[in-house]
Amino acid sequence: MKFEEIFANIDQNLSVIDTMREEVLQKTRLIVRKAAETIKAVHREEWDNAEKNIAEMRTALKSVGEQVKQHETLAKRNYVEISEQEFAEAAILYSLLHESQIKTPSDLQIPDLSWLLGLADVAGELRRHCLDAIRNGNMAVAEHMLELMEEIYQNLFSLDYPKGLLGGLREKTDAVRKMLQATRGELAIATHMARLNENLEKVLNKKE
């Protein structure tokens, strides 16, 4: 076979892969965008919107996985992994705050590591929810968010495996630890201030 024929075949193959790559990129961008929208919807308690977005992400992620499997060149990229992590973060946050349960890797149909990396990111959103609760004076909700953060950290920390197996999970776990420490301190201060205000109000009421 001549060079011209070989390169003609390669060019044709690359053209097909490039077209599919663009399609995959569009879908992964959709997943990332929908994940962000879902997280916002969860914080606003717009549960129907969040559920709709999760369904759209699930469909797009499945399509991406099927396309990537068709070409080894695409399979070596991290298109699927990033999308899975974003999907996991949004879906887990929704299930924790709306359904009071946690979706498993099997429920979401994603690998364990993608689920773990997404779970680590959930801690940051729980911190945000905790701080919002503190500002609104809802200490019970704030304490519950802290408890969830602590549970996530303890379980992530228990995984003692090499970095080659866990990828960037160890770094994310360290970030969760720092967020947890900061949140615990902020909640302690807010709780103390709330008690002081309550006691002061009792004293003032007695004087009246």
N, C-alpha and C. Protein backbone atom coordinates (compact mmCIF):
# COMPACT_ATOMS: atom_id res chain seq x y z
N MET A 1 0.85 -1.20 0.00
CA MET A 1 0.00 0.00 0.00
C MET A 1 0.88 1.25 0.00
N LYS A 2 0.53 2.23 -0.80
CA LYS A 2 1.32 3.45 -0.92
C LYS A 2 1.00 4.42 0.23
N PHE A 3 1.95 5.38 0.41
CA PHE A 3 1.77 6.38 1.45
C PHE A 3 0.43 7.11 1.30
N GLU A 4 0.11 7.45 0.05
CA GLU A 4 -1.12 8.19 -0.19
C GLU A 4 -2.34 7.44 0.30
N GLU A 5 -2.35 6.12 0.09
CA GLU A 5 -3.49 5.30 0.51
C GLU A 5 -3.55 5.17 2.03
N ILE A 6 -2.35 4.99 2.62
CA ILE A 6 -2.29 4.86 4.08
C ILE A 6 -2.80 6.14 4.75
N PHE A 7 -2.30 7.29 4.25
CA PHE A 7 -2.70 8.56 4.85
C PHE A 7 -4.15 8.91 4.56
N ALA A 8 -4.65 8.45 3.43
CA ALA A 8 -6.06 8.68 3.12
C ALA A 8 -6.94 7.95 4.13
N ASN A 9 -6.56 6.71 4.49
CA ASN A 9 -7.31 5.93 5.48
C ASN A 9 -7.21 6.56 6.86
N ILE A 10 -5.99 6.99 7.22
CA ILE A 10 -5.79 7.62 8.53
C ILE A 10 -6.59 8.91 8.62
N ASP A 11 -6.54 9.70 7.54
CA ASP A 11 -7.28 10.96 7.52
C ASP A 11 -8.77 10.73 7.69
N GLN A 12 -9.29 9.71 7.06
CA GLN A 12 -10.71 9.38 7.17
C GLN A 12 -11.05 8.97 8.60
N ASN A 13 -10.19 8.13 9.19
CA ASN A 13 -10.43 7.68 10.57
C ASN A 13 -10.38 8.84 11.56
N LEU A 14 -9.38 9.71 11.39
CA LEU A 14 -9.25 10.85 12.29
C LEU A 14 -10.42 11.82 12.15
N SER A 15 -10.92 11.94 10.94
CA SER A 15 -12.07 12.82 10.70
C SER A 15 -13.30 12.32 11.46
N VAL A 16 -13.50 11.01 11.44
CA VAL A 16 -14.63 10.41 12.17
C VAL A 16 -14.45 10.62 13.68
N ILE A 17 -13.23 10.38 14.16
CA ILE A 17 -12.96 10.55 15.59
C ILE A 17 -13.12 12.00 16.02
N ASP A 18 -12.66 12.93 15.16
CA ASP A 18 -12.76 14.35 15.50
C ASP A 18 -14.22 14.80 15.58
N THR A 19 -15.03 14.29 14.67
CA THR A 19 -16.46 14.62 14.70
C THR A 19 -17.10 14.11 15.99
N MET A 20 -16.74 12.87 16.34
CA MET A 20 -17.28 12.29 17.57
C MET A 20 -16.74 13.02 18.80
N ARG A 21 -15.49 13.45 18.74
CA ARG A 21 -14.89 14.19 19.86
C ARG A 21 -15.66 15.49 20.11
N GLU A 22 -16.02 16.18 19.05
CA GLU A 22 -16.78 17.41 19.20
C GLU A 22 -18.15 17.14 19.83
N GLU A 23 -18.76 16.04 19.41
CA GLU A 23 -20.06 15.68 19.99
C GLU A 23 -19.93 15.37 21.47
N VAL A 24 -18.85 14.65 21.82
CA VAL A 24 -18.60 14.30 23.21
C VAL A 24 -18.35 15.55 24.04
N LEU A 25 -17.57 16.48 23.49
CA LEU A 25 -17.27 17.72 24.20
C LEU A 25 -18.55 18.53 24.47
N GLN A 26 -19.42 18.57 23.50
CA GLN A 26 -20.69 19.29 23.67
C GLN A 26 -21.50 18.68 24.81
N LYS A 27 -21.52 17.36 24.86
CA LYS A 27 -22.29 16.69 25.90
C LYS A 27 -21.66 16.85 27.27
N THR A 28 -20.32 16.82 27.32
CA THR A 28 -19.65 16.99 28.62
C THR A 28 -19.85 18.41 29.14
N ARG A 29 -19.83 19.38 28.22
CA ARG A 29 -20.09 20.77 28.63
C ARG A 29 -21.52 20.90 29.16
N LEU A 30 -22.44 20.18 28.52
CA LEU A 30 -23.83 20.19 28.99
C LEU A 30 -23.91 19.63 30.40
N ILE A 31 -23.20 18.54 30.64
CA ILE A 31 -23.22 17.91 31.97
C ILE A 31 -22.67 18.86 33.02
N VAL A 32 -21.55 19.51 32.71
CA VAL A 32 -20.94 20.45 33.66
C VAL A 32 -21.89 21.61 33.95
N ARG A 33 -22.52 22.13 32.90
CA ARG A 33 -23.46 23.24 33.07
C ARG A 33 -24.68 22.81 33.88
N LYS A 34 -25.22 21.64 33.56
CA LYS A 34 -26.39 21.15 34.28
C LYS A 34 -26.07 20.83 35.73
N ALA A 35 -24.84 20.38 35.98
CA ALA A 35 -24.43 20.09 37.36
C ALA A 35 -24.44 21.38 38.19
N ALA A 36 -23.89 22.45 37.60
CA ALA A 36 -23.88 23.75 38.30
C ALA A 36 -25.31 24.24 38.53
N GLU A 37 -26.16 24.07 37.53
CA GLU A 37 -27.57 24.50 37.67
C GLU A 37 -28.28 23.68 38.73
N THR A 38 -27.96 22.40 38.79
CA THR A 38 -28.59 21.52 39.77
C THR A 38 -28.20 21.92 41.18
N ILE A 39 -26.93 22.21 41.38
CA ILE A 39 -26.45 22.61 42.71
C ILE A 39 -27.14 23.91 43.15
N LYS A 40 -27.27 24.86 42.24
CA LYS A 40 -27.98 26.11 42.56
C LYS A 40 -29.44 25.82 42.91
N ALA A 41 -30.06 24.93 42.13
CA ALA A 41 -31.46 24.59 42.38
C ALA A 41 -31.64 23.92 43.73
N VAL A 42 -30.68 23.07 44.11
CA VAL A 42 -30.76 22.39 45.41
C VAL A 42 -30.68 23.41 46.54
N HIS A 43 -29.75 24.35 46.44
CA HIS A 43 -29.61 25.36 47.49
C HIS A 43 -30.87 26.23 47.59
N ARG A 44 -31.56 26.40 46.47
CA ARG A 44 -32.80 27.19 46.46
C ARG A 44 -34.03 26.34 46.74
N GLU A 45 -33.80 25.03 46.93
CA GLU A 45 -34.87 24.06 47.16
C GLU A 45 -35.85 24.00 45.98
N GLU A 46 -35.32 24.17 44.78
CA GLU A 46 -36.11 24.01 43.55
C GLU A 46 -35.95 22.56 43.10
N TRP A 47 -36.61 21.67 43.80
CA TRP A 47 -36.37 20.23 43.65
C TRP A 47 -36.76 19.70 42.27
N ASP A 48 -37.84 20.21 41.69
CA ASP A 48 -38.26 19.73 40.36
C ASP A 48 -37.21 20.05 39.30
N ASN A 49 -36.65 21.26 39.37
CA ASN A 49 -35.61 21.64 38.41
C ASN A 49 -34.37 20.77 38.59
N ALA A 50 -34.02 20.53 39.84
CA ALA A 50 -32.84 19.72 40.13
C ALA A 50 -33.03 18.30 39.60
N GLU A 51 -34.20 17.74 39.83
CA GLU A 51 -34.48 16.38 39.38
C GLU A 51 -34.45 16.29 37.85
N LYS A 52 -34.99 17.30 37.19
CA LYS A 52 -34.99 17.33 35.73
C LYS A 52 -33.57 17.39 35.18
N ASN A 53 -32.74 18.22 35.79
CA ASN A 53 -31.35 18.35 35.36
C ASN A 53 -30.58 17.04 35.56
N ILE A 54 -30.82 16.38 36.67
CA ILE A 54 -30.14 15.11 36.94
C ILE A 54 -30.50 14.07 35.89
N ALA A 55 -31.76 14.03 35.49
CA ALA A 55 -32.19 13.09 34.45
C ALA A 55 -31.49 13.40 33.13
N GLU A 56 -31.36 14.69 32.80
CA GLU A 56 -30.69 15.09 31.56
C GLU A 56 -29.21 14.72 31.60
N MET A 57 -28.60 14.93 32.75
CA MET A 57 -27.18 14.57 32.90
C MET A 57 -26.97 13.07 32.77
N ARG A 58 -27.85 12.31 33.36
CA ARG A 58 -27.74 10.85 33.29
C ARG A 58 -27.79 10.37 31.84
N THR A 59 -28.71 10.94 31.06
CA THR A 59 -28.85 10.56 29.65
C THR A 59 -27.61 10.96 28.86
N ALA A 60 -27.12 12.18 29.07
CA ALA A 60 -25.94 12.67 28.35
C ALA A 60 -24.70 11.86 28.71
N LEU A 61 -24.56 11.52 29.98
CA LEU A 61 -23.40 10.76 30.44
C LEU A 61 -23.38 9.36 29.83
N LYS A 62 -24.55 8.75 29.76
CA LYS A 62 -24.64 7.43 29.14
C LYS A 62 -24.23 7.49 27.68
N SER A 63 -24.67 8.52 26.98
CA SER A 63 -24.34 8.70 25.57
C SER A 63 -22.84 8.90 25.39
N VAL A 64 -22.24 9.73 26.26
CA VAL A 64 -20.79 9.97 26.19
C VAL A 64 -20.02 8.66 26.38
N GLY A 65 -20.43 7.88 27.36
CA GLY A 65 -19.77 6.61 27.62
C GLY A 65 -19.82 5.67 26.43
N GLU A 66 -20.97 5.62 25.78
CA GLU A 66 -21.12 4.75 24.61
C GLU A 66 -20.25 5.21 23.45
N GLN A 67 -20.16 6.53 23.24
CA GLN A 67 -19.34 7.05 22.15
C GLN A 67 -17.85 6.85 22.41
N VAL A 68 -17.42 7.08 23.64
CA VAL A 68 -16.01 6.95 23.98
C VAL A 68 -15.52 5.51 23.79
N LYS A 69 -16.38 4.56 24.11
CA LYS A 69 -16.01 3.15 23.97
C LYS A 69 -15.71 2.76 22.53
N GLN A 70 -16.22 3.52 21.59
CA GLN A 70 -16.06 3.16 20.18
C GLN A 70 -14.66 3.46 19.65
N HIS A 71 -13.93 4.35 20.33
CA HIS A 71 -12.61 4.74 19.84
C HIS A 71 -11.60 4.81 20.99
N GLU A 72 -10.51 4.09 20.85
CA GLU A 72 -9.48 4.04 21.89
C GLU A 72 -8.89 5.43 22.15
N THR A 73 -8.78 6.24 21.08
CA THR A 73 -8.21 7.58 21.23
C THR A 73 -9.04 8.41 22.20
N LEU A 74 -10.35 8.33 22.10
CA LEU A 74 -11.24 9.07 23.01
C LEU A 74 -11.23 8.44 24.40
N ALA A 75 -11.10 7.13 24.45
CA ALA A 75 -11.15 6.43 25.73
C ALA A 75 -9.98 6.82 26.63
N LYS A 76 -8.86 7.22 26.02
CA LYS A 76 -7.68 7.58 26.81
C LYS A 76 -7.78 8.98 27.40
N ARG A 77 -8.73 9.76 26.92
CA ARG A 77 -8.93 11.11 27.47
C ARG A 77 -9.78 11.02 28.73
N ASN A 78 -9.91 12.14 29.44
CA ASN A 78 -10.67 12.11 30.70
C ASN A 78 -12.05 12.73 30.56
N TYR A 79 -12.62 12.67 29.33
CA TYR A 79 -13.94 13.25 29.11
C TYR A 79 -14.97 12.65 30.07
N VAL A 80 -14.99 11.33 30.15
CA VAL A 80 -16.01 10.65 30.94
C VAL A 80 -15.80 10.88 32.44
N GLU A 81 -14.54 10.79 32.90
CA GLU A 81 -14.27 10.90 34.32
C GLU A 81 -14.73 12.24 34.90
N ILE A 82 -14.40 13.32 34.20
CA ILE A 82 -14.79 14.65 34.69
C ILE A 82 -16.31 14.78 34.73
N SER A 83 -16.96 14.30 33.68
CA SER A 83 -18.42 14.36 33.62
C SER A 83 -19.05 13.54 34.74
N GLU A 84 -18.48 12.38 35.00
CA GLU A 84 -19.00 11.52 36.07
C GLU A 84 -18.88 12.20 37.43
N GLN A 85 -17.76 12.87 37.67
CA GLN A 85 -17.56 13.56 38.95
C GLN A 85 -18.56 14.70 39.14
N GLU A 86 -18.77 15.48 38.08
CA GLU A 86 -19.72 16.59 38.16
C GLU A 86 -21.15 16.06 38.40
N PHE A 87 -21.48 15.00 37.70
CA PHE A 87 -22.80 14.37 37.85
C PHE A 87 -22.96 13.84 39.27
N ALA A 88 -21.91 13.18 39.76
CA ALA A 88 -21.96 12.60 41.10
C ALA A 88 -22.18 13.67 42.16
N GLU A 89 -21.44 14.77 42.05
CA GLU A 89 -21.57 15.85 43.04
C GLU A 89 -23.01 16.37 43.09
N ALA A 90 -23.57 16.65 41.92
CA ALA A 90 -24.93 17.21 41.87
C ALA A 90 -25.96 16.21 42.38
N ALA A 91 -25.85 14.96 41.94
CA ALA A 91 -26.84 13.94 42.31
C ALA A 91 -26.76 13.58 43.79
N ILE A 92 -25.55 13.50 44.33
CA ILE A 92 -25.39 13.18 45.75
C ILE A 92 -25.92 14.31 46.62
N LEU A 93 -25.60 15.55 46.24
CA LEU A 93 -26.09 16.70 47.02
C LEU A 93 -27.61 16.72 47.03
N TYR A 94 -28.21 16.48 45.89
CA TYR A 94 -29.68 16.44 45.78
C TYR A 94 -30.25 15.35 46.70
N SER A 95 -29.66 14.18 46.64
CA SER A 95 -30.21 13.06 47.43
C SER A 95 -30.04 13.30 48.93
N LEU A 96 -28.94 13.94 49.32
CA LEU A 96 -28.72 14.20 50.75
C LEU A 96 -29.68 15.25 51.29
N LEU A 97 -29.85 16.34 50.55
CA LEU A 97 -30.64 17.45 51.07
C LEU A 97 -32.14 17.33 50.81
N HIS A 98 -32.50 16.59 49.78
CA HIS A 98 -33.93 16.48 49.46
C HIS A 98 -34.52 15.14 49.89
N GLU A 99 -33.76 14.08 49.75
CA GLU A 99 -34.27 12.74 50.03
C GLU A 99 -33.74 12.17 51.35
N SER A 100 -32.81 12.88 51.99
CA SER A 100 -32.21 12.44 53.25
C SER A 100 -31.59 11.05 53.13
N GLN A 101 -31.02 10.79 51.97
CA GLN A 101 -30.30 9.55 51.75
C GLN A 101 -29.18 9.85 50.76
N ILE A 102 -28.33 8.85 50.51
CA ILE A 102 -27.22 9.08 49.61
C ILE A 102 -27.24 8.08 48.46
N LYS A 103 -27.10 8.59 47.26
CA LYS A 103 -27.07 7.73 46.07
C LYS A 103 -25.72 7.01 46.00
N THR A 104 -25.76 5.73 45.72
CA THR A 104 -24.55 4.93 45.64
C THR A 104 -23.97 4.98 44.23
N PRO A 105 -22.71 4.53 44.06
CA PRO A 105 -22.15 4.44 42.71
C PRO A 105 -23.04 3.59 41.79
N SER A 106 -23.61 2.54 42.36
CA SER A 106 -24.50 1.68 41.58
C SER A 106 -25.76 2.41 41.16
N ASP A 107 -26.31 3.21 42.07
CA ASP A 107 -27.51 3.99 41.75
C ASP A 107 -27.25 4.93 40.58
N LEU A 108 -26.08 5.55 40.59
CA LEU A 108 -25.74 6.54 39.57
C LEU A 108 -25.08 5.91 38.34
N GLN A 109 -24.75 4.63 38.46
CA GLN A 109 -24.13 3.89 37.35
C GLN A 109 -22.80 4.52 36.92
N ILE A 110 -21.97 4.81 37.91
CA ILE A 110 -20.64 5.36 37.64
C ILE A 110 -19.61 4.59 38.46
N PRO A 111 -18.32 4.65 38.10
CA PRO A 111 -17.28 3.95 38.86
C PRO A 111 -17.13 4.50 40.28
N ASP A 112 -16.59 3.68 41.16
CA ASP A 112 -16.42 4.07 42.57
C ASP A 112 -15.57 5.34 42.70
N LEU A 113 -14.47 5.42 41.95
CA LEU A 113 -13.58 6.57 42.10
C LEU A 113 -14.25 7.86 41.68
N SER A 114 -15.00 7.84 40.60
CA SER A 114 -15.72 9.05 40.17
C SER A 114 -16.72 9.47 41.24
N TRP A 115 -17.36 8.49 41.86
CA TRP A 115 -18.32 8.76 42.93
C TRP A 115 -17.61 9.39 44.13
N LEU A 116 -16.46 8.84 44.50
CA LEU A 116 -15.71 9.35 45.64
C LEU A 116 -15.23 10.79 45.41
N LEU A 117 -14.74 11.06 44.22
CA LEU A 117 -14.26 12.40 43.89
C LEU A 117 -15.42 13.40 43.89
N GLY A 118 -16.57 12.96 43.40
CA GLY A 118 -17.75 13.81 43.43
C GLY A 118 -18.23 14.05 44.86
N LEU A 119 -18.17 13.01 45.68
CA LEU A 119 -18.57 13.12 47.08
C LEU A 119 -17.70 14.14 47.82
N ALA A 120 -16.41 14.12 47.55
CA ALA A 120 -15.49 15.07 48.19
C ALA A 120 -15.90 16.51 47.87
N ASP A 121 -16.35 16.74 46.64
CA ASP A 121 -16.78 18.08 46.25
C ASP A 121 -18.10 18.48 46.93
N VAL A 122 -18.90 17.49 47.28
CA VAL A 122 -20.17 17.77 47.96
C VAL A 122 -19.94 18.48 49.28
N ALA A 123 -18.83 18.17 49.93
CA ALA A 123 -18.54 18.78 51.23
C ALA A 123 -18.51 20.30 51.14
N GLY A 124 -17.98 20.82 50.05
CA GLY A 124 -17.94 22.27 49.87
C GLY A 124 -19.33 22.87 49.77
N GLU A 125 -20.24 22.17 49.11
CA GLU A 125 -21.61 22.65 48.98
C GLU A 125 -22.36 22.54 50.32
N LEU A 126 -22.02 21.52 51.09
CA LEU A 126 -22.64 21.40 52.43
C LEU A 126 -22.15 22.53 53.34
N ARG A 127 -20.89 22.90 53.19
CA ARG A 127 -20.36 24.04 53.96
C ARG A 127 -21.15 25.31 53.59
N ARG A 128 -21.35 25.51 52.31
CA ARG A 128 -22.11 26.67 51.84
C ARG A 128 -23.51 26.67 52.45
N HIS A 129 -24.15 25.50 52.44
CA HIS A 129 -25.50 25.38 53.00
C HIS A 129 -25.47 25.65 54.50
N CYS A 130 -24.42 25.19 55.16
CA CYS A 130 -24.27 25.40 56.61
C CYS A 130 -24.14 26.89 56.92
N LEU A 131 -23.32 27.59 56.16
CA LEU A 131 -23.13 29.02 56.41
C LEU A 131 -24.40 29.81 56.14
N ASP A 132 -25.15 29.40 55.11
CA ASP A 132 -26.44 30.04 54.85
C ASP A 132 -27.38 29.85 56.04
N ALA A 133 -27.38 28.64 56.59
CA ALA A 133 -28.24 28.34 57.74
C ALA A 133 -27.84 29.18 58.95
N ILE A 134 -26.53 29.36 59.14
CA ILE A 134 -26.05 30.18 60.26
C ILE A 134 -26.53 31.62 60.11
N ARG A 135 -26.41 32.14 58.89
CA ARG A 135 -26.85 33.52 58.64
C ARG A 135 -28.35 33.68 58.89
N ASN A 136 -29.10 32.61 58.62
CA ASN A 136 -30.55 32.66 58.81
C ASN A 136 -30.96 32.29 60.24
N GLY A 137 -29.97 32.00 61.08
CA GLY A 137 -30.27 31.66 62.46
C GLY A 137 -30.81 30.26 62.66
N ASN A 138 -30.67 29.40 61.64
CA ASN A 138 -31.19 28.03 61.74
C ASN A 138 -30.05 27.10 62.15
N MET A 139 -29.78 27.05 63.44
CA MET A 139 -28.65 26.29 63.95
C MET A 139 -28.82 24.78 63.80
N ALA A 140 -30.05 24.32 63.84
CA ALA A 140 -30.30 22.89 63.70
C ALA A 140 -29.86 22.39 62.33
N VAL A 141 -30.21 23.15 61.30
CA VAL A 141 -29.80 22.80 59.93
C VAL A 141 -28.29 22.90 59.80
N ALA A 142 -27.72 23.96 60.37
CA ALA A 142 -26.27 24.16 60.30
C ALA A 142 -25.53 22.98 60.94
N GLU A 143 -26.01 22.54 62.09
CA GLU A 143 -25.38 21.41 62.78
C GLU A 143 -25.50 20.13 61.96
N HIS A 144 -26.64 19.96 61.30
CA HIS A 144 -26.83 18.77 60.47
C HIS A 144 -25.86 18.77 59.29
N MET A 145 -25.66 19.94 58.68
CA MET A 145 -24.72 20.05 57.56
C MET A 145 -23.30 19.70 58.02
N LEU A 146 -22.95 20.19 59.22
CA LEU A 146 -21.62 19.89 59.77
C LEU A 146 -21.47 18.39 60.01
N GLU A 147 -22.51 17.77 60.52
CA GLU A 147 -22.47 16.32 60.76
C GLU A 147 -22.25 15.55 59.46
N LEU A 148 -22.92 15.99 58.38
CA LEU A 148 -22.74 15.34 57.09
C LEU A 148 -21.32 15.52 56.58
N MET A 149 -20.78 16.72 56.75
CA MET A 149 -19.40 16.98 56.35
C MET A 149 -18.43 16.08 57.11
N GLU A 150 -18.66 15.94 58.41
CA GLU A 150 -17.79 15.10 59.23
C GLU A 150 -17.86 13.64 58.79
N GLU A 151 -19.06 13.18 58.48
CA GLU A 151 -19.23 11.79 58.04
C GLU A 151 -18.52 11.55 56.71
N ILE A 152 -18.64 12.52 55.79
CA ILE A 152 -17.95 12.40 54.50
C ILE A 152 -16.44 12.34 54.71
N TYR A 153 -15.92 13.24 55.53
CA TYR A 153 -14.47 13.28 55.76
C TYR A 153 -13.97 11.99 56.39
N GLN A 154 -14.63 11.54 57.43
CA GLN A 154 -14.19 10.33 58.12
C GLN A 154 -14.14 9.13 57.19
N ASN A 155 -15.13 9.02 56.33
CA ASN A 155 -15.15 7.89 55.40
C ASN A 155 -14.10 8.02 54.30
N LEU A 156 -13.91 9.23 53.80
CA LEU A 156 -12.86 9.44 52.79
C LEU A 156 -11.48 9.18 53.38
N PHE A 157 -11.28 9.64 54.60
CA PHE A 157 -9.98 9.48 55.26
C PHE A 157 -9.67 8.00 55.53
N SER A 158 -10.69 7.19 55.66
CA SER A 158 -10.48 5.77 55.98
C SER A 158 -9.90 4.97 54.80
N LEU A 159 -9.93 5.55 53.61
CA LEU A 159 -9.43 4.85 52.42
C LEU A 159 -7.92 5.02 52.32
N ASP A 160 -7.19 4.03 52.76
CA ASP A 160 -5.72 4.10 52.79
C ASP A 160 -5.15 3.30 51.63
N TYR A 161 -5.14 3.92 50.46
CA TYR A 161 -4.63 3.27 49.25
C TYR A 161 -3.69 4.21 48.51
N PRO A 162 -2.84 3.67 47.64
CA PRO A 162 -1.87 4.51 46.91
C PRO A 162 -2.55 5.54 46.02
N LYS A 163 -1.82 6.64 45.76
CA LYS A 163 -2.34 7.70 44.90
C LYS A 163 -2.62 7.19 43.50
N GLY A 164 -1.84 6.22 43.07
CA GLY A 164 -2.04 5.65 41.74
C GLY A 164 -3.41 5.01 41.59
N LEU A 165 -3.99 4.60 42.70
CA LEU A 165 -5.32 3.98 42.68
C LEU A 165 -6.42 5.00 42.93
N LEU A 166 -6.13 5.98 43.78
CA LEU A 166 -7.16 6.95 44.18
C LEU A 166 -7.09 8.27 43.41
N GLY A 167 -6.11 8.43 42.54
CA GLY A 167 -6.03 9.66 41.77
C GLY A 167 -5.85 10.87 42.68
N GLY A 168 -6.67 11.88 42.50
CA GLY A 168 -6.55 13.10 43.29
C GLY A 168 -7.42 13.10 44.54
N LEU A 169 -7.88 11.94 44.97
CA LEU A 169 -8.79 11.88 46.12
C LEU A 169 -8.13 12.34 47.42
N ARG A 170 -6.87 12.00 47.59
CA ARG A 170 -6.19 12.39 48.82
C ARG A 170 -6.13 13.90 48.99
N GLU A 171 -5.82 14.59 47.90
CA GLU A 171 -5.78 16.06 47.94
C GLU A 171 -7.16 16.64 48.24
N LYS A 172 -8.17 16.04 47.64
CA LYS A 172 -9.54 16.51 47.90
C LYS A 172 -9.94 16.23 49.35
N THR A 173 -9.50 15.11 49.89
CA THR A 173 -9.80 14.78 51.28
C THR A 173 -9.15 15.79 52.22
N ASP A 174 -7.93 16.20 51.91
CA ASP A 174 -7.25 17.23 52.71
C ASP A 174 -8.03 18.55 52.67
N ALA A 175 -8.56 18.87 51.49
CA ALA A 175 -9.35 20.10 51.34
C ALA A 175 -10.63 20.01 52.17
N VAL A 176 -11.24 18.82 52.20
CA VAL A 176 -12.44 18.62 53.01
C VAL A 176 -12.11 18.81 54.49
N ARG A 177 -10.96 18.31 54.92
CA ARG A 177 -10.55 18.46 56.32
C ARG A 177 -10.43 19.94 56.70
N LYS A 178 -9.82 20.73 55.83
CA LYS A 178 -9.66 22.16 56.11
C LYS A 178 -11.01 22.87 56.16
N MET A 179 -11.90 22.52 55.22
CA MET A 179 -13.24 23.11 55.24
C MET A 179 -14.00 22.73 56.49
N LEU A 180 -13.83 21.48 56.90
CA LEU A 180 -14.52 20.99 58.09
C LEU A 180 -14.06 21.74 59.34
N GLN A 181 -12.75 21.93 59.46
CA GLN A 181 -12.22 22.65 60.62
C GLN A 181 -12.74 24.09 60.66
N ALA A 182 -12.73 24.75 59.49
CA ALA A 182 -13.21 26.13 59.43
C ALA A 182 -14.69 26.22 59.77
N THR A 183 -15.47 25.28 59.22
CA THR A 183 -16.92 25.29 59.45
C THR A 183 -17.24 24.99 60.91
N ARG A 184 -16.50 24.07 61.49
CA ARG A 184 -16.73 23.73 62.90
C ARG A 184 -16.49 24.95 63.79
N GLY A 185 -15.43 25.69 63.49
CA GLY A 185 -15.13 26.88 64.28
C GLY A 185 -16.18 27.96 64.10
N GLU A 186 -16.61 28.16 62.87
CA GLU A 186 -17.62 29.19 62.59
C GLU A 186 -18.96 28.85 63.25
N LEU A 187 -19.30 27.58 63.22
CA LEU A 187 -20.57 27.18 63.85
C LEU A 187 -20.49 27.32 65.37
N ALA A 188 -19.31 27.00 65.94
CA ALA A 188 -19.14 27.12 67.39
C ALA A 188 -19.30 28.58 67.82
N ILE A 189 -18.70 29.49 67.06
CA ILE A 189 -18.82 30.92 67.38
C ILE A 189 -20.27 31.38 67.26
N ALA A 190 -20.91 30.96 66.16
CA ALA A 190 -22.31 31.36 65.94
C ALA A 190 -23.22 30.82 67.02
N THR A 191 -22.99 29.60 67.45
CA THR A 191 -23.80 29.00 68.51
C THR A 191 -23.61 29.75 69.83
N HIS A 192 -22.34 30.08 70.10
CA HIS A 192 -22.04 30.83 71.34
C HIS A 192 -22.72 32.20 71.32
N MET A 193 -22.65 32.88 70.18
CA MET A 193 -23.29 34.20 70.07
C MET A 193 -24.80 34.10 70.21
N ALA A 194 -25.38 33.04 69.65
CA ALA A 194 -26.83 32.86 69.75
C ALA A 194 -27.25 32.67 71.21
N ARG A 195 -26.43 31.92 71.97
CA ARG A 195 -26.74 31.69 73.39
C ARG A 195 -26.61 32.99 74.18
N LEU A 196 -25.58 33.77 73.86
CA LEU A 196 -25.40 35.05 74.55
C LEU A 196 -26.59 35.97 74.30
N ASN A 197 -27.02 36.02 73.05
CA ASN A 197 -28.17 36.85 72.70
C ASN A 197 -29.43 36.38 73.40
N GLU A 198 -29.56 35.06 73.48
CA GLU A 198 -30.74 34.49 74.15
C GLU A 198 -30.74 34.84 75.63
N ASN A 199 -29.57 34.73 76.27
CA ASN A 199 -29.47 35.05 77.69
C ASN A 199 -29.70 36.54 77.94
N LEU A 200 -29.15 37.36 77.04
CA LEU A 200 -29.33 38.80 77.17
C LEU A 200 -30.80 39.18 77.05
N GLU A 201 -31.47 38.52 76.12
CA GLU A 201 -32.90 38.79 75.93
C GLU A 201 -33.70 38.39 77.16
N LYS A 202 -33.31 37.29 77.81
CA LYS A 202 -34.01 36.86 79.03
C LYS A 202 -33.83 37.89 80.14
N VAL A 203 -32.60 38.41 80.24
CA VAL A 203 -32.31 39.40 81.28
C VAL A 203 -33.14 40.67 81.03
N LEU A 204 -33.18 41.13 79.81
CA LEU A 204 -33.93 42.32 79.46
C LEU A 204 -35.41 42.15 79.70
N ASN A 205 -35.92 40.95 79.41
CA ASN A 205 -37.35 40.67 79.63
C ASN A 205 -37.69 40.70 81.11
N LYS A 206 -36.75 40.22 81.95
CA LYS A 206 -37.00 40.21 83.40
C LYS A 206 -37.09 41.65 83.93
N LYS A 207 -36.23 42.52 83.38
CA LYS A 207 -36.23 43.92 83.83
C LYS A 207 -37.55 44.63 83.48
N GLU A 208 -38.15 44.22 82.40
CA GLU A 208 -39.41 44.81 81.98
C GLU A 208 -40.54 44.38 82.91
